[in-house]
Amino acid sequence: MDNIFSFATRIPTKSSSTIGWESRYDGVLSVAVVDSVPVAGISGPWPDGNYALTWWSTDEANAVPTLEFHGSMEIARQRVEDVTGHSRRAAA
């Protein structure tokens, strides 16, 4: 995993909230939503095969947006869950 522009640390807080994933642009972008607030987006795969994970500032994680690269969508989603301290919503 590579980090670019990582200026602030996010402190995960355990909560009963879960992450919902919304697919946009015909599946090219997956958006992580916690408590109705988009917190990150994952796009790809890019020509090099990696997925770009972009963090967005929120009330819980007030930081400059950062960019990370991961080898798969699943790895990037797991990273979001680990950093936010929230688990994925069970599939309906």
N, C-alpha and C. Protein backbone atom coordinates (compact mmCIF):
# COMPACT_ATOMS: atom_id res chain seq x y z
N MET A 1 0.85 -1.18 0.00
CA MET A 1 0.00 0.00 0.00
C MET A 1 0.89 1.23 0.00
N ASP A 2 0.57 2.16 -0.85
CA ASP A 2 1.31 3.41 -0.92
C ASP A 2 0.42 4.55 -0.47
N ASN A 3 0.97 5.49 0.29
CA ASN A 3 0.25 6.70 0.71
C ASN A 3 0.83 7.90 -0.02
N ILE A 4 -0.03 8.76 -0.46
CA ILE A 4 0.38 10.03 -1.04
C ILE A 4 -0.40 11.11 -0.33
N PHE A 5 0.27 12.20 0.02
CA PHE A 5 -0.40 13.34 0.64
C PHE A 5 -1.05 12.99 1.97
N SER A 6 -0.45 12.17 2.78
CA SER A 6 -1.01 11.80 4.07
C SER A 6 -0.59 12.82 5.11
N PHE A 7 -1.49 13.74 5.43
CA PHE A 7 -1.16 14.85 6.32
C PHE A 7 -1.71 14.71 7.73
N ALA A 8 -2.70 13.88 7.94
CA ALA A 8 -3.33 13.82 9.25
C ALA A 8 -3.63 12.37 9.62
N THR A 9 -3.65 12.11 10.90
CA THR A 9 -3.95 10.78 11.41
C THR A 9 -5.42 10.69 11.75
N ARG A 10 -6.02 9.60 11.38
CA ARG A 10 -7.41 9.36 11.76
C ARG A 10 -7.41 8.38 12.93
N ILE A 11 -8.22 8.65 13.91
CA ILE A 11 -8.30 7.79 15.07
C ILE A 11 -9.61 7.00 14.98
N PRO A 12 -9.52 5.68 14.81
CA PRO A 12 -10.74 4.91 14.71
C PRO A 12 -11.51 4.93 16.03
N THR A 13 -12.79 5.06 15.92
CA THR A 13 -13.64 5.01 17.10
C THR A 13 -14.65 3.90 16.90
N LYS A 14 -14.71 3.00 17.86
CA LYS A 14 -15.66 1.89 17.77
C LYS A 14 -17.06 2.43 17.98
N SER A 15 -17.96 1.94 17.17
CA SER A 15 -19.33 2.43 17.21
C SER A 15 -20.24 1.35 16.68
N SER A 16 -21.52 1.50 16.91
CA SER A 16 -22.48 0.54 16.38
C SER A 16 -22.81 0.84 14.92
N SER A 17 -22.27 1.93 14.39
CA SER A 17 -22.51 2.29 13.00
C SER A 17 -21.86 1.29 12.07
N THR A 18 -22.41 1.20 10.89
CA THR A 18 -21.85 0.33 9.88
C THR A 18 -21.56 1.13 8.62
N ILE A 19 -20.73 0.57 7.78
CA ILE A 19 -20.41 1.20 6.50
C ILE A 19 -21.35 0.65 5.44
N GLY A 20 -21.93 1.54 4.68
CA GLY A 20 -22.69 1.14 3.50
C GLY A 20 -21.86 1.50 2.28
N TRP A 21 -21.90 0.67 1.28
CA TRP A 21 -21.13 0.92 0.06
C TRP A 21 -22.09 1.22 -1.07
N GLU A 22 -21.91 2.37 -1.71
CA GLU A 22 -22.73 2.77 -2.85
C GLU A 22 -21.88 2.70 -4.11
N SER A 23 -22.43 2.08 -5.14
CA SER A 23 -21.73 1.98 -6.41
C SER A 23 -22.18 3.13 -7.30
N ARG A 24 -21.23 3.81 -7.93
CA ARG A 24 -21.53 4.93 -8.81
C ARG A 24 -20.76 4.79 -10.11
N TYR A 25 -21.21 5.47 -11.14
CA TYR A 25 -20.55 5.47 -12.45
C TYR A 25 -20.34 4.05 -12.97
N ASP A 26 -21.43 3.28 -12.99
CA ASP A 26 -21.39 1.90 -13.50
C ASP A 26 -20.35 1.05 -12.79
N GLY A 27 -20.18 1.25 -11.50
CA GLY A 27 -19.28 0.43 -10.69
C GLY A 27 -17.83 0.88 -10.69
N VAL A 28 -17.51 1.96 -11.38
CA VAL A 28 -16.13 2.44 -11.41
C VAL A 28 -15.75 3.08 -10.07
N LEU A 29 -16.74 3.60 -9.34
CA LEU A 29 -16.49 4.24 -8.05
C LEU A 29 -17.36 3.58 -6.99
N SER A 30 -16.76 3.23 -5.87
CA SER A 30 -17.48 2.69 -4.73
C SER A 30 -17.30 3.69 -3.59
N VAL A 31 -18.41 4.16 -3.01
CA VAL A 31 -18.36 5.19 -1.97
C VAL A 31 -18.73 4.59 -0.62
N ALA A 32 -17.88 4.82 0.38
CA ALA A 32 -18.14 4.38 1.75
C ALA A 32 -18.98 5.44 2.44
N VAL A 33 -20.12 5.01 2.99
CA VAL A 33 -21.04 5.92 3.67
C VAL A 33 -21.24 5.45 5.11
N VAL A 34 -20.95 6.35 6.07
CA VAL A 34 -21.15 6.05 7.49
C VAL A 34 -22.13 7.08 8.02
N ASP A 35 -23.23 6.61 8.59
CA ASP A 35 -24.25 7.50 9.15
C ASP A 35 -24.67 8.56 8.14
N SER A 36 -24.91 8.15 6.91
CA SER A 36 -25.37 9.01 5.81
C SER A 36 -24.32 10.01 5.34
N VAL A 37 -23.06 9.86 5.76
CA VAL A 37 -21.99 10.77 5.35
C VAL A 37 -20.96 10.00 4.52
N PRO A 38 -20.71 10.43 3.28
CA PRO A 38 -19.66 9.78 2.49
C PRO A 38 -18.29 10.10 3.09
N VAL A 39 -17.49 9.06 3.36
CA VAL A 39 -16.19 9.27 4.00
C VAL A 39 -15.01 8.92 3.10
N ALA A 40 -15.25 8.09 2.08
CA ALA A 40 -14.15 7.69 1.20
C ALA A 40 -14.71 7.15 -0.11
N GLY A 41 -13.87 7.19 -1.13
CA GLY A 41 -14.24 6.63 -2.42
C GLY A 41 -13.13 5.75 -2.94
N ILE A 42 -13.51 4.65 -3.60
CA ILE A 42 -12.54 3.73 -4.18
C ILE A 42 -12.85 3.65 -5.67
N SER A 43 -11.86 3.92 -6.50
CA SER A 43 -12.06 3.84 -7.94
C SER A 43 -11.06 2.89 -8.56
N GLY A 44 -11.45 2.29 -9.66
CA GLY A 44 -10.56 1.40 -10.37
C GLY A 44 -11.28 0.15 -10.84
N PRO A 45 -10.52 -0.75 -11.41
CA PRO A 45 -9.07 -0.77 -11.46
C PRO A 45 -8.52 0.21 -12.49
N TRP A 46 -7.37 0.77 -12.16
CA TRP A 46 -6.66 1.67 -13.06
C TRP A 46 -5.76 0.83 -13.97
N PRO A 47 -5.18 1.43 -15.00
CA PRO A 47 -4.36 0.65 -15.94
C PRO A 47 -3.26 -0.19 -15.30
N ASP A 48 -2.75 0.23 -14.14
CA ASP A 48 -1.71 -0.55 -13.48
C ASP A 48 -2.29 -1.67 -12.61
N GLY A 49 -3.64 -1.79 -12.58
CA GLY A 49 -4.30 -2.84 -11.81
C GLY A 49 -4.64 -2.46 -10.39
N ASN A 50 -4.20 -1.31 -9.93
CA ASN A 50 -4.48 -0.87 -8.56
C ASN A 50 -5.81 -0.13 -8.46
N TYR A 51 -6.28 -0.01 -7.22
CA TYR A 51 -7.49 0.74 -6.89
C TYR A 51 -7.08 1.95 -6.06
N ALA A 52 -7.62 3.11 -6.39
CA ALA A 52 -7.30 4.34 -5.68
C ALA A 52 -8.35 4.57 -4.59
N LEU A 53 -7.89 4.73 -3.36
CA LEU A 53 -8.75 5.01 -2.21
C LEU A 53 -8.52 6.46 -1.82
N THR A 54 -9.59 7.26 -1.89
CA THR A 54 -9.51 8.67 -1.53
C THR A 54 -10.33 8.91 -0.27
N TRP A 55 -9.70 9.50 0.73
CA TRP A 55 -10.39 9.85 1.98
C TRP A 55 -10.89 11.28 1.89
N TRP A 56 -12.10 11.51 2.41
CA TRP A 56 -12.68 12.85 2.43
C TRP A 56 -12.84 13.29 3.87
N SER A 57 -12.67 14.57 4.14
CA SER A 57 -12.85 15.11 5.49
C SER A 57 -14.32 14.99 5.90
N THR A 58 -14.52 14.65 7.14
CA THR A 58 -15.87 14.59 7.72
C THR A 58 -15.79 15.20 9.11
N ASP A 59 -16.92 15.28 9.79
CA ASP A 59 -16.91 15.78 11.16
C ASP A 59 -16.09 14.87 12.07
N GLU A 60 -16.11 13.54 11.80
CA GLU A 60 -15.38 12.59 12.63
C GLU A 60 -13.90 12.55 12.29
N ALA A 61 -13.57 12.76 11.04
CA ALA A 61 -12.17 12.68 10.60
C ALA A 61 -11.85 13.93 9.80
N ASN A 62 -11.60 15.02 10.50
CA ASN A 62 -11.34 16.29 9.84
C ASN A 62 -9.88 16.33 9.41
N ALA A 63 -9.65 15.94 8.18
CA ALA A 63 -8.29 15.86 7.67
C ALA A 63 -8.27 16.25 6.21
N VAL A 64 -7.10 16.62 5.75
CA VAL A 64 -6.93 16.88 4.33
C VAL A 64 -7.16 15.56 3.60
N PRO A 65 -7.92 15.56 2.51
CA PRO A 65 -8.14 14.31 1.78
C PRO A 65 -6.80 13.66 1.41
N THR A 66 -6.76 12.35 1.52
CA THR A 66 -5.55 11.61 1.20
C THR A 66 -5.83 10.59 0.11
N LEU A 67 -4.79 10.11 -0.50
CA LEU A 67 -4.90 9.14 -1.58
C LEU A 67 -4.01 7.96 -1.27
N GLU A 68 -4.57 6.76 -1.37
CA GLU A 68 -3.83 5.52 -1.17
C GLU A 68 -4.10 4.61 -2.36
N PHE A 69 -3.20 3.67 -2.61
CA PHE A 69 -3.39 2.70 -3.67
C PHE A 69 -3.35 1.29 -3.09
N HIS A 70 -4.28 0.43 -3.56
CA HIS A 70 -4.39 -0.94 -3.07
C HIS A 70 -4.54 -1.89 -4.24
N GLY A 71 -4.15 -3.14 -4.03
CA GLY A 71 -4.16 -4.15 -5.09
C GLY A 71 -5.51 -4.69 -5.47
N SER A 72 -6.53 -4.47 -4.64
CA SER A 72 -7.88 -4.95 -4.97
C SER A 72 -8.93 -4.07 -4.28
N MET A 73 -10.15 -4.15 -4.79
CA MET A 73 -11.27 -3.43 -4.18
C MET A 73 -11.49 -3.94 -2.76
N GLU A 74 -11.40 -5.24 -2.56
CA GLU A 74 -11.63 -5.82 -1.25
C GLU A 74 -10.61 -5.32 -0.22
N ILE A 75 -9.35 -5.24 -0.61
CA ILE A 75 -8.31 -4.74 0.30
C ILE A 75 -8.58 -3.28 0.65
N ALA A 76 -8.97 -2.48 -0.33
CA ALA A 76 -9.27 -1.07 -0.08
C ALA A 76 -10.47 -0.92 0.84
N ARG A 77 -11.51 -1.73 0.63
CA ARG A 77 -12.68 -1.67 1.52
C ARG A 77 -12.31 -2.06 2.95
N GLN A 78 -11.48 -3.09 3.08
CA GLN A 78 -11.05 -3.51 4.42
C GLN A 78 -10.27 -2.39 5.10
N ARG A 79 -9.47 -1.66 4.34
CA ARG A 79 -8.70 -0.52 4.89
C ARG A 79 -9.65 0.54 5.45
N VAL A 80 -10.73 0.82 4.72
CA VAL A 80 -11.72 1.80 5.19
C VAL A 80 -12.34 1.32 6.50
N GLU A 81 -12.71 0.04 6.56
CA GLU A 81 -13.30 -0.50 7.78
C GLU A 81 -12.32 -0.41 8.95
N ASP A 82 -11.06 -0.73 8.70
CA ASP A 82 -10.06 -0.70 9.77
C ASP A 82 -9.83 0.72 10.28
N VAL A 83 -9.72 1.68 9.37
CA VAL A 83 -9.44 3.07 9.76
C VAL A 83 -10.63 3.70 10.47
N THR A 84 -11.84 3.46 9.97
CA THR A 84 -13.02 4.09 10.57
C THR A 84 -13.50 3.37 11.82
N GLY A 85 -13.13 2.11 11.98
CA GLY A 85 -13.61 1.35 13.12
C GLY A 85 -15.03 0.88 12.96
N HIS A 86 -15.55 0.93 11.74
CA HIS A 86 -16.90 0.50 11.45
C HIS A 86 -16.88 -0.75 10.59
N SER A 87 -17.86 -1.62 10.79
CA SER A 87 -17.93 -2.84 10.00
C SER A 87 -18.89 -2.67 8.82
N ARG A 88 -18.75 -3.54 7.87
CA ARG A 88 -19.59 -3.51 6.67
C ARG A 88 -20.99 -4.00 6.99
N ARG A 89 -21.98 -3.34 6.38
CA ARG A 89 -23.35 -3.80 6.49
C ARG A 89 -23.49 -5.15 5.84
N ALA A 90 -24.23 -6.04 6.49
CA ALA A 90 -24.46 -7.36 5.90
C ALA A 90 -25.28 -7.20 4.63
N ALA A 91 -24.98 -8.01 3.64
CA ALA A 91 -25.71 -7.96 2.37
C ALA A 91 -27.15 -8.39 2.59
N ALA A 92 -28.06 -7.71 1.94
CA ALA A 92 -29.48 -8.04 2.11
C ALA A 92 -29.88 -9.20 1.25
